[in-house]
């Protein structure tokens, strides 16, 4: 079954992949900028947003999700490697796409998977949030009316800039997080990114200085990555920086994906 997607603009395809519990709408702040020069394809990964659940006969590992992404692109008539940008889980998928030859260049923003062991604090934060939203969905949505609540409640999973998220986008994000049909199954299959040392394509990795979810001490390991890569630490960015600094994120992408 086809994944739900936003497909706008013209030119060479640029694929956007969101983080766990989110949807293609996480990219809303920067799609208008990117689509001025590229065909932007922002997917809802299987089991998230409005996409169907992942194949019940397979586990939704990152490797299997990337194989499914390749099939999605083939169904769309795209048979050559594409430029891929991912955030968090989507960043991990982008790294795997680089490793397996699906990508022609990659920008990974706060990619997951660069750890020796899956950090327990990430599971605690995400599952606690999901539990709270499921128990108090109406109250959670009402809190999103207030900028200070958006800033405080989204401080860890998104980072600074919660107050920059419009109320309707914040509510939509909560709904995506609450309704993600494959959240637990995907999370339980998270291992770590390995065998990326031989990646040859242009690769840029960005971790914001205020990413409080995937911290430098245990979630930003470089030992499975190629020695030739671009590693940047944008000042003030949190884990999901698209709302905080849309122009900065868009510029990072456009400056580092494959040239026309």
C-alpha atoms as a PDB file:
ATOM      1  CA  UNK A   1       0.000   0.000   0.000  1.00  0.00           C
ATOM      2  CA  UNK A   2       1.165   3.504  -0.768  1.00  0.00           C
ATOM      3  CA  UNK A   3       2.315   5.784   2.027  1.00  0.00           C
ATOM      4  CA  UNK A   4       0.588   9.104   2.468  1.00  0.00           C
ATOM      5  CA  UNK A   5       2.733  11.968   1.244  1.00  0.00           C
ATOM      6  CA  UNK A   6       2.944  15.618   0.360  1.00  0.00           C
ATOM      7  CA  UNK A   7       4.307  16.038  -3.179  1.00  0.00           C
ATOM      8  CA  UNK A   8       4.858  19.639  -4.289  1.00  0.00           C
ATOM      9  CA  UNK A   9       7.179  21.646  -6.500  1.00  0.00           C
ATOM     10  CA  UNK A  10       9.127  20.542  -9.550  1.00  0.00           C
ATOM     11  CA  UNK A  11      12.646  19.493 -10.432  1.00  0.00           C
ATOM     12  CA  UNK A  12      14.791  16.784  -8.898  1.00  0.00           C
ATOM     13  CA  UNK A  13      13.102  14.867  -6.068  1.00  0.00           C
ATOM     14  CA  UNK A  14      13.997  15.778  -2.501  1.00  0.00           C
ATOM     15  CA  UNK A  15      12.636  13.294   0.044  1.00  0.00           C
ATOM     16  CA  UNK A  16      11.818  14.367   3.605  1.00  0.00           C
ATOM     17  CA  UNK A  17      11.447  11.837   6.442  1.00  0.00           C
ATOM     18  CA  UNK A  18      10.015  12.736   9.856  1.00  0.00           C
ATOM     19  CA  UNK A  19      10.757  11.498  13.365  1.00  0.00           C
ATOM     20  CA  UNK A  20       8.926   8.837  15.364  1.00  0.00           C
ATOM     21  CA  UNK A  21       5.395   9.783  16.363  1.00  0.00           C
ATOM     22  CA  UNK A  22       5.278  12.615  13.839  1.00  0.00           C
ATOM     23  CA  UNK A  23       4.150  12.985  10.224  1.00  0.00           C
ATOM     24  CA  UNK A  24       5.085  14.861   7.063  1.00  0.00           C
ATOM     25  CA  UNK A  25       3.568  17.954   8.684  1.00  0.00           C
ATOM     26  CA  UNK A  26       6.722  18.302  10.793  1.00  0.00           C
ATOM     27  CA  UNK A  27       8.279  19.768   7.626  1.00  0.00           C
ATOM     28  CA  UNK A  28       5.499  22.311   6.994  1.00  0.00           C
ATOM     29  CA  UNK A  29       7.623  25.336   8.002  1.00  0.00           C
ATOM     30  CA  UNK A  30      10.274  24.657   5.343  1.00  0.00           C
ATOM     31  CA  UNK A  31       8.396  22.981   2.466  1.00  0.00           C
ATOM     32  CA  UNK A  32       7.464  26.341   0.861  1.00  0.00           C
ATOM     33  CA  UNK A  33      11.162  27.291   0.787  1.00  0.00           C
ATOM     34  CA  UNK A  34      12.463  23.972  -0.522  1.00  0.00           C
ATOM     35  CA  UNK A  35       9.738  23.581  -3.149  1.00  0.00           C
ATOM     36  CA  UNK A  36      10.805  26.789  -4.868  1.00  0.00           C
ATOM     37  CA  UNK A  37      13.679  24.877  -6.441  1.00  0.00           C
ATOM     38  CA  UNK A  38      12.941  21.173  -5.929  1.00  0.00           C
ATOM     39  CA  UNK A  39      10.187  18.593  -6.111  1.00  0.00           C
ATOM     40  CA  UNK A  40       9.611  17.953  -2.416  1.00  0.00           C
ATOM     41  CA  UNK A  41       8.207  14.586  -1.372  1.00  0.00           C
ATOM     42  CA  UNK A  42       7.456  14.487   2.361  1.00  0.00           C
ATOM     43  CA  UNK A  43       6.254  11.045   3.418  1.00  0.00           C
ATOM     44  CA  UNK A  44       4.240   9.790   6.333  1.00  0.00           C
ATOM     45  CA  UNK A  45       6.355   6.736   7.163  1.00  0.00           C
ATOM     46  CA  UNK A  46       4.358   3.503   7.465  1.00  0.00           C
ATOM     47  CA  UNK A  47       2.461   3.395  10.760  1.00  0.00           C
ATOM     48  CA  UNK A  48       2.566   7.168  11.258  1.00  0.00           C
ATOM     49  CA  UNK A  49       0.457  10.103  10.140  1.00  0.00           C
ATOM     50  CA  UNK A  50      -2.106   8.965   7.602  1.00  0.00           C
ATOM     51  CA  UNK A  51      -0.089   6.057   6.226  1.00  0.00           C
ATOM     52  CA  UNK A  52      -1.186   2.437   6.755  1.00  0.00           C
ATOM     53  CA  UNK A  53       0.567   0.247   9.276  1.00  0.00           C
ATOM     54  CA  UNK A  54       3.750  -1.487   8.216  1.00  0.00           C
ATOM     55  CA  UNK A  55       3.551  -4.976   6.702  1.00  0.00           C
ATOM     56  CA  UNK A  56       2.286  -7.326   9.422  1.00  0.00           C
ATOM     57  CA  UNK A  57       4.572 -10.080   8.114  1.00  0.00           C
ATOM     58  CA  UNK A  58       7.698  -8.006   8.797  1.00  0.00           C
ATOM     59  CA  UNK A  59       9.037  -6.038  11.717  1.00  0.00           C
ATOM     60  CA  UNK A  60       9.364  -2.263  11.184  1.00  0.00           C
ATOM     61  CA  UNK A  61      13.111  -2.115  11.604  1.00  0.00           C
ATOM     62  CA  UNK A  62      14.896   0.844  10.072  1.00  0.00           C
ATOM     63  CA  UNK A  63      16.347  -1.463   7.430  1.00  0.00           C
ATOM     64  CA  UNK A  64      12.895  -2.760   6.476  1.00  0.00           C
ATOM     65  CA  UNK A  65      11.420   0.745   6.468  1.00  0.00           C
ATOM     66  CA  UNK A  66      14.117   1.894   4.051  1.00  0.00           C
ATOM     67  CA  UNK A  67      13.438  -1.082   1.788  1.00  0.00           C
ATOM     68  CA  UNK A  68       9.767  -0.096   1.857  1.00  0.00           C
ATOM     69  CA  UNK A  69      10.728   3.515   1.069  1.00  0.00           C
ATOM     70  CA  UNK A  70      12.631   2.308  -1.987  1.00  0.00           C
ATOM     71  CA  UNK A  71       9.513   0.458  -3.128  1.00  0.00           C
ATOM     72  CA  UNK A  72       7.394   3.583  -2.609  1.00  0.00           C
ATOM     73  CA  UNK A  73       9.757   5.565  -4.815  1.00  0.00           C
ATOM     74  CA  UNK A  74       9.733   2.898  -7.518  1.00  0.00           C
ATOM     75  CA  UNK A  75       5.933   2.934  -7.500  1.00  0.00           C
ATOM     76  CA  UNK A  76       6.173   6.691  -8.114  1.00  0.00           C
ATOM     77  CA  UNK A  77       8.444   6.098 -11.105  1.00  0.00           C
ATOM     78  CA  UNK A  78      11.620   7.168  -9.293  1.00  0.00           C
ATOM     79  CA  UNK A  79      14.340   4.603  -9.948  1.00  0.00           C
ATOM     80  CA  UNK A  80      17.522   6.593  -9.384  1.00  0.00           C
ATOM     81  CA  UNK A  81      19.080   7.529  -6.015  1.00  0.00           C
ATOM     82  CA  UNK A  82      17.516  10.635  -4.500  1.00  0.00           C
ATOM     83  CA  UNK A  83      18.518  13.373  -2.076  1.00  0.00           C
ATOM     84  CA  UNK A  84      17.121  12.514   1.341  1.00  0.00           C
ATOM     85  CA  UNK A  85      16.675  14.672   4.433  1.00  0.00           C
ATOM     86  CA  UNK A  86      15.595  13.141   7.716  1.00  0.00           C
ATOM     87  CA  UNK A  87      15.002  14.198  11.290  1.00  0.00           C
ATOM     88  CA  UNK A  88      15.399  11.895  14.314  1.00  0.00           C
ATOM     89  CA  UNK A  89      14.051   8.471  13.208  1.00  0.00           C
ATOM     90  CA  UNK A  90      13.890   9.892   9.688  1.00  0.00           C
ATOM     91  CA  UNK A  91      17.545  10.875  10.009  1.00  0.00           C
ATOM     92  CA  UNK A  92      18.402   7.288  10.874  1.00  0.00           C
ATOM     93  CA  UNK A  93      16.440   6.148   7.815  1.00  0.00           C
ATOM     94  CA  UNK A  94      18.387   8.652   5.713  1.00  0.00           C
ATOM     95  CA  UNK A  95      21.692   7.233   6.998  1.00  0.00           C
ATOM     96  CA  UNK A  96      20.529   3.721   6.151  1.00  0.00           C
ATOM     97  CA  UNK A  97      19.480   4.933   2.693  1.00  0.00           C
ATOM     98  CA  UNK A  98      22.989   6.338   2.248  1.00  0.00           C
ATOM     99  CA  UNK A  99      24.507   3.017   3.317  1.00  0.00           C
ATOM    100  CA  UNK A 100      22.368   0.948   0.945  1.00  0.00           C
ATOM    101  CA  UNK A 101      22.633   3.159  -2.134  1.00  0.00           C
ATOM    102  CA  UNK A 102      19.129   4.620  -2.153  1.00  0.00           C
ATOM    103  CA  UNK A 103      20.366   8.163  -1.484  1.00  0.00           C
ATOM    104  CA  UNK A 104      22.466  10.444  -3.682  1.00  0.00           C
ATOM    105  CA  UNK A 105      23.113  12.796  -0.760  1.00  0.00           C
ATOM    106  CA  UNK A 106      21.880  12.974   2.821  1.00  0.00           C
ATOM    107  CA  UNK A 107      21.251  15.659   5.396  1.00  0.00           C
ATOM    108  CA  UNK A 108      20.456  14.044   8.743  1.00  0.00           C
ATOM    109  CA  UNK A 109      19.135  16.408  11.415  1.00  0.00           C
ATOM    110  CA  UNK A 110      19.432  15.013  14.957  1.00  0.00           C
ATOM    111  CA  UNK A 111      19.502  11.446  13.623  1.00  0.00           C
ATOM    112  CA  UNK A 112      18.622   8.635  15.990  1.00  0.00           C
ATOM    113  CA  UNK A 113      20.639   5.425  16.047  1.00  0.00           C
ATOM    114  CA  UNK A 114      24.077   6.910  16.737  1.00  0.00           C
ATOM    115  CA  UNK A 115      24.354   5.257  20.124  1.00  0.00           C
ATOM    116  CA  UNK A 116      26.031   2.161  21.519  1.00  0.00           C
ATOM    117  CA  UNK A 117      22.816   1.128  23.269  1.00  0.00           C
ATOM    118  CA  UNK A 118      19.329   2.541  22.839  1.00  0.00           C
ATOM    119  CA  UNK A 119      19.078   5.184  25.595  1.00  0.00           C
ATOM    120  CA  UNK A 120      16.435   4.444  28.216  1.00  0.00           C
ATOM    121  CA  UNK A 121      15.640   8.122  28.772  1.00  0.00           C
ATOM    122  CA  UNK A 122      14.286   8.469  25.222  1.00  0.00           C
ATOM    123  CA  UNK A 123      11.840   5.601  25.733  1.00  0.00           C
ATOM    124  CA  UNK A 124      10.806   6.983  29.127  1.00  0.00           C
ATOM    125  CA  UNK A 125      10.094  10.451  27.727  1.00  0.00           C
ATOM    126  CA  UNK A 126       8.215   9.305  24.644  1.00  0.00           C
ATOM    127  CA  UNK A 127       6.129   6.614  26.322  1.00  0.00           C
ATOM    128  CA  UNK A 128       5.265   8.925  29.229  1.00  0.00           C
ATOM    129  CA  UNK A 129       4.128  11.619  26.804  1.00  0.00           C
ATOM    130  CA  UNK A 130       2.093   9.158  24.791  1.00  0.00           C
ATOM    131  CA  UNK A 131       0.456   7.782  27.944  1.00  0.00           C
ATOM    132  CA  UNK A 132      -0.425  11.275  29.175  1.00  0.00           C
ATOM    133  CA  UNK A 133      -1.880  12.357  25.830  1.00  0.00           C
ATOM    134  CA  UNK A 134      -3.954   9.181  25.561  1.00  0.00           C
ATOM    135  CA  UNK A 135      -5.323   9.615  29.090  1.00  0.00           C
ATOM    136  CA  UNK A 136      -6.035  13.334  28.747  1.00  0.00           C
ATOM    137  CA  UNK A 137      -6.419  14.108  25.028  1.00  0.00           C
ATOM    138  CA  UNK A 138      -8.788  17.050  25.425  1.00  0.00           C
ATOM    139  CA  UNK A 139      -6.786  18.654  28.233  1.00  0.00           C
ATOM    140  CA  UNK A 140      -3.539  18.167  26.288  1.00  0.00           C
ATOM    141  CA  UNK A 141      -4.978  19.899  23.250  1.00  0.00           C
ATOM    142  CA  UNK A 142      -6.282  22.780  25.351  1.00  0.00           C
ATOM    143  CA  UNK A 143      -2.825  23.367  26.797  1.00  0.00           C
ATOM    144  CA  UNK A 144      -1.525  23.935  23.282  1.00  0.00           C
ATOM    145  CA  UNK A 145      -3.513  27.190  23.148  1.00  0.00           C
ATOM    146  CA  UNK A 146      -0.830  28.812  25.300  1.00  0.00           C
ATOM    147  CA  UNK A 147       2.642  29.553  23.964  1.00  0.00           C
ATOM    148  CA  UNK A 148       4.274  29.032  27.356  1.00  0.00           C
ATOM    149  CA  UNK A 149       2.692  25.558  27.619  1.00  0.00           C
ATOM    150  CA  UNK A 150       3.910  24.636  24.157  1.00  0.00           C
ATOM    151  CA  UNK A 151       7.400  25.777  25.112  1.00  0.00           C
ATOM    152  CA  UNK A 152       7.469  23.819  28.381  1.00  0.00           C
ATOM    153  CA  UNK A 153       5.690  20.624  27.339  1.00  0.00           C
ATOM    154  CA  UNK A 154       7.627  20.243  24.097  1.00  0.00           C
ATOM    155  CA  UNK A 155      11.003  21.293  25.539  1.00  0.00           C
ATOM    156  CA  UNK A 156      12.519  17.797  25.589  1.00  0.00           C
ATOM    157  CA  UNK A 157      11.064  16.040  22.516  1.00  0.00           C
ATOM    158  CA  UNK A 158      11.311  19.077  20.248  1.00  0.00           C
ATOM    159  CA  UNK A 159      13.663  21.399  22.076  1.00  0.00           C
ATOM    160  CA  UNK A 160      13.526  25.146  22.250  1.00  0.00           C
ATOM    161  CA  UNK A 161      11.045  26.824  19.976  1.00  0.00           C
ATOM    162  CA  UNK A 162       7.826  25.222  21.143  1.00  0.00           C
ATOM    163  CA  UNK A 163       6.256  28.644  21.405  1.00  0.00           C
ATOM    164  CA  UNK A 164       7.043  29.156  17.708  1.00  0.00           C
ATOM    165  CA  UNK A 165       4.723  26.314  16.746  1.00  0.00           C
ATOM    166  CA  UNK A 166       1.264  27.630  15.807  1.00  0.00           C
ATOM    167  CA  UNK A 167      -1.515  26.267  17.981  1.00  0.00           C
ATOM    168  CA  UNK A 168      -3.100  24.243  15.182  1.00  0.00           C
ATOM    169  CA  UNK A 169       0.262  22.695  14.258  1.00  0.00           C
ATOM    170  CA  UNK A 170       0.904  21.832  17.909  1.00  0.00           C
ATOM    171  CA  UNK A 171      -2.499  20.164  18.242  1.00  0.00           C
ATOM    172  CA  UNK A 172      -1.929  18.312  14.971  1.00  0.00           C
ATOM    173  CA  UNK A 173       1.444  17.087  16.282  1.00  0.00           C
ATOM    174  CA  UNK A 174      -0.193  15.812  19.466  1.00  0.00           C
ATOM    175  CA  UNK A 175      -2.813  13.999  17.402  1.00  0.00           C
ATOM    176  CA  UNK A 176      -0.106  12.417  15.237  1.00  0.00           C
ATOM    177  CA  UNK A 177       1.775  11.325  18.347  1.00  0.00           C
ATOM    178  CA  UNK A 178      -1.370   9.918  19.945  1.00  0.00           C
ATOM    179  CA  UNK A 179      -2.670   8.127  16.856  1.00  0.00           C
ATOM    180  CA  UNK A 180       0.568   6.633  15.509  1.00  0.00           C
ATOM    181  CA  UNK A 181      -0.508   3.054  14.873  1.00  0.00           C
ATOM    182  CA  UNK A 182       2.983   1.544  14.773  1.00  0.00           C
ATOM    183  CA  UNK A 183       4.630   3.620  17.506  1.00  0.00           C
ATOM    184  CA  UNK A 184       5.334   0.799  19.967  1.00  0.00           C
ATOM    185  CA  UNK A 185       6.249  -1.747  17.305  1.00  0.00           C
ATOM    186  CA  UNK A 186       8.698   0.618  15.595  1.00  0.00           C
ATOM    187  CA  UNK A 187      10.246   1.756  18.870  1.00  0.00           C
ATOM    188  CA  UNK A 188      10.718  -1.820  20.093  1.00  0.00           C
ATOM    189  CA  UNK A 189      12.662  -2.659  16.929  1.00  0.00           C
ATOM    190  CA  UNK A 190      15.142   0.180  17.335  1.00  0.00           C
ATOM    191  CA  UNK A 191      18.687  -1.113  17.424  1.00  0.00           C
ATOM    192  CA  UNK A 192      21.449   1.218  16.295  1.00  0.00           C
ATOM    193  CA  UNK A 193      22.980   2.393  13.048  1.00  0.00           C
ATOM    194  CA  UNK A 194      25.940   0.247  11.950  1.00  0.00           C
ATOM    195  CA  UNK A 195      28.281  -0.305   9.003  1.00  0.00           C
ATOM    196  CA  UNK A 196      28.186   3.214   7.635  1.00  0.00           C
ATOM    197  CA  UNK A 197      31.949   3.674   7.388  1.00  0.00           C
ATOM    198  CA  UNK A 198      31.974   3.113   3.614  1.00  0.00           C
ATOM    199  CA  UNK A 199      29.326   5.688   2.721  1.00  0.00           C
ATOM    200  CA  UNK A 200      30.698   7.667  -0.244  1.00  0.00           C
ATOM    201  CA  UNK A 201      27.919  10.158  -1.011  1.00  0.00           C
ATOM    202  CA  UNK A 202      27.781  13.709   0.423  1.00  0.00           C
ATOM    203  CA  UNK A 203      26.686  13.349   4.051  1.00  0.00           C
ATOM    204  CA  UNK A 204      25.838  16.149   6.464  1.00  0.00           C
ATOM    205  CA  UNK A 205      24.852  15.547  10.083  1.00  0.00           C
ATOM    206  CA  UNK A 206      23.484  18.327  12.278  1.00  0.00           C
ATOM    207  CA  UNK A 207      22.906  18.213  16.028  1.00  0.00           C
ATOM    208  CA  UNK A 208      21.691  21.437  17.592  1.00  0.00           C
ATOM    209  CA  UNK A 209      23.415  22.753  20.692  1.00  0.00           C
ATOM    210  CA  UNK A 210      20.086  22.538  22.534  1.00  0.00           C
ATOM    211  CA  UNK A 211      19.111  19.025  21.511  1.00  0.00           C
ATOM    212  CA  UNK A 212      18.255  17.747  24.991  1.00  0.00           C
ATOM    213  CA  UNK A 213      16.873  14.449  23.728  1.00  0.00           C
ATOM    214  CA  UNK A 214      19.827  12.961  21.827  1.00  0.00           C
ATOM    215  CA  UNK A 215      22.704  14.309  23.834  1.00  0.00           C
ATOM    216  CA  UNK A 216      26.376  14.498  22.895  1.00  0.00           C
ATOM    217  CA  UNK A 217      27.554  12.109  25.616  1.00  0.00           C
ATOM    218  CA  UNK A 218      25.740   8.984  24.453  1.00  0.00           C
ATOM    219  CA  UNK A 219      23.670   9.651  21.328  1.00  0.00           C
ATOM    220  CA  UNK A 220      26.080  11.335  18.927  1.00  0.00           C
ATOM    221  CA  UNK A 221      28.630   8.580  18.312  1.00  0.00           C
ATOM    222  CA  UNK A 222      30.720   8.752  15.118  1.00  0.00           C
ATOM    223  CA  UNK A 223      32.332   5.319  15.108  1.00  0.00           C
ATOM    224  CA  UNK A 224      29.892   3.835  12.548  1.00  0.00           C
ATOM    225  CA  UNK A 225      30.160   6.813  10.189  1.00  0.00           C
ATOM    226  CA  UNK A 226      32.613   7.590   7.387  1.00  0.00           C
ATOM    227  CA  UNK A 227      35.552   9.789   8.251  1.00  0.00           C
ATOM    228  CA  UNK A 228      34.646  12.121   5.396  1.00  0.00           C
ATOM    229  CA  UNK A 229      31.430  13.851   6.382  1.00  0.00           C
ATOM    230  CA  UNK A 230      30.186  17.283   7.369  1.00  0.00           C
ATOM    231  CA  UNK A 231      29.238  17.524  11.045  1.00  0.00           C
ATOM    232  CA  UNK A 232      27.662  20.774  12.213  1.00  0.00           C
ATOM    233  CA  UNK A 233      26.204  21.916  15.535  1.00  0.00           C
ATOM    234  CA  UNK A 234      23.839  24.820  14.821  1.00  0.00           C
ATOM    235  CA  UNK A 235      23.645  27.161  17.756  1.00  0.00           C
ATOM    236  CA  UNK A 236      20.278  27.192  19.516  1.00  0.00           C
ATOM    237  CA  UNK A 237      18.673  24.357  17.554  1.00  0.00           C
ATOM    238  CA  UNK A 238      16.734  21.741  19.479  1.00  0.00           C
ATOM    239  CA  UNK A 239      15.832  18.212  18.401  1.00  0.00           C
ATOM    240  CA  UNK A 240      13.182  19.270  15.868  1.00  0.00           C
ATOM    241  CA  UNK A 241      14.354  22.714  14.718  1.00  0.00           C
ATOM    242  CA  UNK A 242      12.066  23.328  11.740  1.00  0.00           C
ATOM    243  CA  UNK A 243       9.671  25.606  13.607  1.00  0.00           C
ATOM    244  CA  UNK A 244      12.387  27.418  15.543  1.00  0.00           C
ATOM    245  CA  UNK A 245      14.575  28.281  12.544  1.00  0.00           C
ATOM    246  CA  UNK A 246      12.873  27.359   9.249  1.00  0.00           C
ATOM    247  CA  UNK A 247      15.178  29.465   7.085  1.00  0.00           C
ATOM    248  CA  UNK A 248      18.280  28.128   8.810  1.00  0.00           C
ATOM    249  CA  UNK A 249      17.150  24.526   8.351  1.00  0.00           C
ATOM    250  CA  UNK A 250      16.187  25.107   4.721  1.00  0.00           C
ATOM    251  CA  UNK A 251      19.528  26.771   4.001  1.00  0.00           C
ATOM    252  CA  UNK A 252      21.437  23.889   5.600  1.00  0.00           C
ATOM    253  CA  UNK A 253      19.567  21.457   3.362  1.00  0.00           C
ATOM    254  CA  UNK A 254      19.906  23.411   0.139  1.00  0.00           C
ATOM    255  CA  UNK A 255      23.608  24.068   0.721  1.00  0.00           C
ATOM    256  CA  UNK A 256      24.429  20.398   1.295  1.00  0.00           C
ATOM    257  CA  UNK A 257      22.254  18.275  -0.961  1.00  0.00           C
ATOM    258  CA  UNK A 258      23.525  17.262  -4.367  1.00  0.00           C
ATOM    259  CA  UNK A 259      23.974  20.081  -6.854  1.00  0.00           C
ATOM    260  CA  UNK A 260      21.589  20.298  -9.792  1.00  0.00           C
END
